Amino acid sequence: MSADGVTESRSSFWTSVASLFATSSTLVCCAIPALLVAMGAGAALSSLVAVFPQVVWLSEHKEAVFALAGVMMAGSGVLQWRNRHAPCPTDPALRDACMRTRKVSWKVYLLSVAFYLMGGWFAFIQPWLSE
């Protein structure tokens, strides 16, 4: 650990952002298409697929998408846990920035978890219940 804790706070923040990016792909592959179909907006979904054909690839490879997102989330969670008591600078302005970054990082991580769970519900659990 660094003496001032700034490096740990920044790495924790950036890993949270990376996990948010990874888990947002679970929304794109599974949750948004399911929501559009459930709302009766199949035409909107077909327009979305016509503009972004990568959505189909993500849906076809949802197991890999979820595995990668899960690994990134686990890594981010470990860093969040490890850095929860990392020292912050003694300068009041830097200390406040450090604490703010820590809080934002935690919120971004929780948003990532929510996205992951929502995508997992629509990708794996909802189709199983509909059978």
C-alpha atoms as a PDB file:
ATOM      1  CA  MET A   1       0.000   0.000   0.000  1.00  0.00           C
ATOM      2  CA  SER A   2       1.157   3.505  -0.686  1.00  0.00           C
ATOM      3  CA  ALA A   3       1.705   5.857   2.225  1.00  0.00           C
ATOM      4  CA  ASP A   4      -1.044   8.258   1.230  1.00  0.00           C
ATOM      5  CA  GLY A   5      -3.634   5.790  -0.091  1.00  0.00           C
ATOM      6  CA  VAL A   6      -4.317   7.799  -3.264  1.00  0.00           C
ATOM      7  CA  THR A   7      -3.134   4.998  -5.559  1.00  0.00           C
ATOM      8  CA  GLU A   8      -5.427   2.485  -3.898  1.00  0.00           C
ATOM      9  CA  SER A   9      -8.436   4.812  -4.108  1.00  0.00           C
ATOM     10  CA  ARG A  10      -7.847   5.448  -7.789  1.00  0.00           C
ATOM     11  CA  SER A  11      -7.359   1.777  -8.635  1.00  0.00           C
ATOM     12  CA  SER A  12     -10.497   0.876  -6.711  1.00  0.00           C
ATOM     13  CA  PHE A  13     -12.464   3.541  -8.582  1.00  0.00           C
ATOM     14  CA  TRP A  14     -11.211   2.444 -12.013  1.00  0.00           C
ATOM     15  CA  THR A  15     -11.878  -1.223 -11.345  1.00  0.00           C
ATOM     16  CA  SER A  16     -15.415  -0.281 -10.331  1.00  0.00           C
ATOM     17  CA  VAL A  17     -15.845   1.616 -13.581  1.00  0.00           C
ATOM     18  CA  ALA A  18     -14.478  -1.386 -15.517  1.00  0.00           C
ATOM     19  CA  SER A  19     -16.904  -3.716 -13.761  1.00  0.00           C
ATOM     20  CA  LEU A  20     -19.757  -1.299 -14.513  1.00  0.00           C
ATOM     21  CA  PHE A  21     -18.763  -1.364 -18.192  1.00  0.00           C
ATOM     22  CA  ALA A  22     -18.598  -5.163 -18.193  1.00  0.00           C
ATOM     23  CA  THR A  23     -21.926  -5.607 -16.448  1.00  0.00           C
ATOM     24  CA  SER A  24     -23.653  -3.102 -18.687  1.00  0.00           C
ATOM     25  CA  SER A  25     -23.007  -5.577 -21.501  1.00  0.00           C
ATOM     26  CA  THR A  26     -25.226  -8.021 -19.613  1.00  0.00           C
ATOM     27  CA  LEU A  27     -28.014  -5.468 -19.823  1.00  0.00           C
ATOM     28  CA  VAL A  28     -27.463  -4.972 -23.547  1.00  0.00           C
ATOM     29  CA  CYS A  29     -27.380  -8.687 -24.294  1.00  0.00           C
ATOM     30  CA  CYS A  30     -30.293  -9.796 -22.205  1.00  0.00           C
ATOM     31  CA  ALA A  31     -32.266  -7.327 -20.092  1.00  0.00           C
ATOM     32  CA  ILE A  32     -33.020  -4.604 -22.632  1.00  0.00           C
ATOM     33  CA  PRO A  33     -34.167  -6.996 -25.404  1.00  0.00           C
ATOM     34  CA  ALA A  34     -36.369  -8.889 -22.922  1.00  0.00           C
ATOM     35  CA  LEU A  35     -37.835  -5.631 -21.632  1.00  0.00           C
ATOM     36  CA  LEU A  36     -38.579  -4.400 -25.149  1.00  0.00           C
ATOM     37  CA  VAL A  37     -40.321  -7.651 -26.078  1.00  0.00           C
ATOM     38  CA  ALA A  38     -42.267  -7.677 -22.796  1.00  0.00           C
ATOM     39  CA  MET A  39     -43.480  -4.133 -23.487  1.00  0.00           C
ATOM     40  CA  GLY A  40     -44.621  -5.160 -26.953  1.00  0.00           C
ATOM     41  CA  ALA A  41     -41.881  -3.174 -28.648  1.00  0.00           C
ATOM     42  CA  GLY A  42     -40.613  -5.966 -30.897  1.00  0.00           C
ATOM     43  CA  ALA A  43     -40.290  -3.496 -33.777  1.00  0.00           C
ATOM     44  CA  ALA A  44     -38.027  -1.324 -31.648  1.00  0.00           C
ATOM     45  CA  LEU A  45     -35.911  -4.375 -30.843  1.00  0.00           C
ATOM     46  CA  SER A  46     -35.620  -5.286 -34.517  1.00  0.00           C
ATOM     47  CA  SER A  47     -34.563  -1.700 -35.282  1.00  0.00           C
ATOM     48  CA  LEU A  48     -31.992  -1.894 -32.493  1.00  0.00           C
ATOM     49  CA  VAL A  49     -30.615  -5.141 -33.906  1.00  0.00           C
ATOM     50  CA  ALA A  50     -30.547  -3.671 -37.416  1.00  0.00           C
ATOM     51  CA  VAL A  51     -28.484  -0.711 -36.221  1.00  0.00           C
ATOM     52  CA  PHE A  52     -26.337  -2.680 -33.758  1.00  0.00           C
ATOM     53  CA  PRO A  53     -26.014  -6.284 -34.995  1.00  0.00           C
ATOM     54  CA  GLN A  54     -23.470  -6.954 -32.226  1.00  0.00           C
ATOM     55  CA  VAL A  55     -26.425  -7.316 -29.843  1.00  0.00           C
ATOM     56  CA  VAL A  56     -27.154 -10.677 -31.457  1.00  0.00           C
ATOM     57  CA  TRP A  57     -23.548 -11.813 -30.922  1.00  0.00           C
ATOM     58  CA  LEU A  58     -23.708 -10.772 -27.268  1.00  0.00           C
ATOM     59  CA  SER A  59     -26.967 -12.686 -26.824  1.00  0.00           C
ATOM     60  CA  GLU A  60     -25.535 -15.798 -28.479  1.00  0.00           C
ATOM     61  CA  HIS A  61     -22.485 -15.711 -26.197  1.00  0.00           C
ATOM     62  CA  LYS A  62     -24.226 -14.683 -22.983  1.00  0.00           C
ATOM     63  CA  GLU A  63     -22.460 -17.331 -20.889  1.00  0.00           C
ATOM     64  CA  ALA A  64     -19.059 -15.872 -21.806  1.00  0.00           C
ATOM     65  CA  VAL A  65     -20.323 -12.320 -21.287  1.00  0.00           C
ATOM     66  CA  PHE A  66     -21.594 -13.194 -17.823  1.00  0.00           C
ATOM     67  CA  ALA A  67     -18.437 -15.119 -16.932  1.00  0.00           C
ATOM     68  CA  LEU A  68     -16.193 -12.210 -17.924  1.00  0.00           C
ATOM     69  CA  ALA A  69     -18.397  -9.708 -16.118  1.00  0.00           C
ATOM     70  CA  GLY A  70     -18.450 -11.953 -13.026  1.00  0.00           C
ATOM     71  CA  VAL A  71     -14.659 -12.201 -12.969  1.00  0.00           C
ATOM     72  CA  MET A  72     -14.342  -8.430 -13.298  1.00  0.00           C
ATOM     73  CA  MET A  73     -16.930  -7.904 -10.570  1.00  0.00           C
ATOM     74  CA  ALA A  74     -15.161 -10.324  -8.257  1.00  0.00           C
ATOM     75  CA  GLY A  75     -11.843  -8.560  -8.815  1.00  0.00           C
ATOM     76  CA  SER A  76     -13.407  -5.190  -8.223  1.00  0.00           C
ATOM     77  CA  GLY A  77     -15.122  -6.454  -5.089  1.00  0.00           C
ATOM     78  CA  VAL A  78     -11.830  -7.786  -3.718  1.00  0.00           C
ATOM     79  CA  LEU A  79     -10.152  -4.426  -4.353  1.00  0.00           C
ATOM     80  CA  GLN A  80     -13.072  -2.572  -2.766  1.00  0.00           C
ATOM     81  CA  TRP A  81     -12.837  -4.757   0.322  1.00  0.00           C
ATOM     82  CA  ARG A  82      -9.050  -4.573   0.539  1.00  0.00           C
ATOM     83  CA  ASN A  83      -8.990  -0.780   0.216  1.00  0.00           C
ATOM     84  CA  ARG A  84     -11.896   0.021   2.508  1.00  0.00           C
ATOM     85  CA  HIS A  85      -9.513   1.144   5.266  1.00  0.00           C
ATOM     86  CA  ALA A  86      -6.650   2.395   3.087  1.00  0.00           C
ATOM     87  CA  PRO A  87      -5.127   5.592   4.455  1.00  0.00           C
ATOM     88  CA  CYS A  88      -6.105   8.913   2.953  1.00  0.00           C
ATOM     89  CA  PRO A  89      -3.821  11.974   2.809  1.00  0.00           C
ATOM     90  CA  THR A  90      -3.675  14.238   5.840  1.00  0.00           C
ATOM     91  CA  ASP A  91      -4.263  17.381   3.788  1.00  0.00           C
ATOM     92  CA  PRO A  92      -7.974  18.206   4.313  1.00  0.00           C
ATOM     93  CA  ALA A  93      -8.725  18.826   0.622  1.00  0.00           C
ATOM     94  CA  LEU A  94      -6.993  15.629  -0.497  1.00  0.00           C
ATOM     95  CA  ARG A  95      -8.567  13.659   2.346  1.00  0.00           C
ATOM     96  CA  ASP A  96     -12.044  14.837   1.331  1.00  0.00           C
ATOM     97  CA  ALA A  97     -11.324  13.958  -2.295  1.00  0.00           C
ATOM     98  CA  CYS A  98     -10.076  10.527  -1.211  1.00  0.00           C
ATOM     99  CA  MET A  99     -13.186   9.855   0.862  1.00  0.00           C
ATOM    100  CA  ARG A 100     -15.472  11.118  -1.910  1.00  0.00           C
ATOM    101  CA  THR A 101     -13.722   8.865  -4.431  1.00  0.00           C
ATOM    102  CA  ARG A 102     -14.116   5.927  -2.070  1.00  0.00           C
ATOM    103  CA  LYS A 103     -17.869   6.578  -1.692  1.00  0.00           C
ATOM    104  CA  VAL A 104     -18.394   7.051  -5.441  1.00  0.00           C
ATOM    105  CA  SER A 105     -16.417   3.892  -6.116  1.00  0.00           C
ATOM    106  CA  TRP A 106     -18.617   1.923  -3.733  1.00  0.00           C
ATOM    107  CA  LYS A 107     -21.797   3.293  -5.346  1.00  0.00           C
ATOM    108  CA  VAL A 108     -20.524   2.453  -8.836  1.00  0.00           C
ATOM    109  CA  TYR A 109     -19.727  -1.055  -7.650  1.00  0.00           C
ATOM    110  CA  LEU A 110     -23.221  -1.513  -6.188  1.00  0.00           C
ATOM    111  CA  LEU A 111     -24.725  -0.247  -9.459  1.00  0.00           C
ATOM    112  CA  SER A 112     -22.607  -2.855 -11.260  1.00  0.00           C
ATOM    113  CA  VAL A 113     -23.950  -5.575  -8.996  1.00  0.00           C
ATOM    114  CA  ALA A 114     -27.515  -4.417  -9.684  1.00  0.00           C
ATOM    115  CA  PHE A 115     -26.890  -4.480 -13.458  1.00  0.00           C
ATOM    116  CA  TYR A 116     -25.347  -7.926 -13.221  1.00  0.00           C
ATOM    117  CA  LEU A 117     -28.244  -9.330 -11.228  1.00  0.00           C
ATOM    118  CA  MET A 118     -30.820  -7.736 -13.517  1.00  0.00           C
ATOM    119  CA  GLY A 119     -29.092  -9.078 -16.620  1.00  0.00           C
ATOM    120  CA  GLY A 120     -28.725 -12.511 -15.017  1.00  0.00           C
ATOM    121  CA  TRP A 121     -32.404 -12.588 -14.187  1.00  0.00           C
ATOM    122  CA  PHE A 122     -33.438 -11.888 -17.774  1.00  0.00           C
ATOM    123  CA  ALA A 123     -30.766 -14.128 -19.312  1.00  0.00           C
ATOM    124  CA  PHE A 124     -31.091 -17.256 -17.217  1.00  0.00           C
ATOM    125  CA  ILE A 125     -33.889 -17.240 -14.637  1.00  0.00           C
ATOM    126  CA  GLN A 126     -36.790 -15.628 -16.513  1.00  0.00           C
ATOM    127  CA  PRO A 127     -36.542 -17.976 -19.542  1.00  0.00           C
ATOM    128  CA  TRP A 128     -36.395 -20.952 -17.183  1.00  0.00           C
ATOM    129  CA  LEU A 129     -39.565 -19.774 -15.395  1.00  0.00           C
ATOM    130  CA  SER A 130     -41.388 -19.210 -18.700  1.00  0.00           C
ATOM    131  CA  GLU A 131     -41.040 -22.819 -19.834  1.00  0.00           C
END
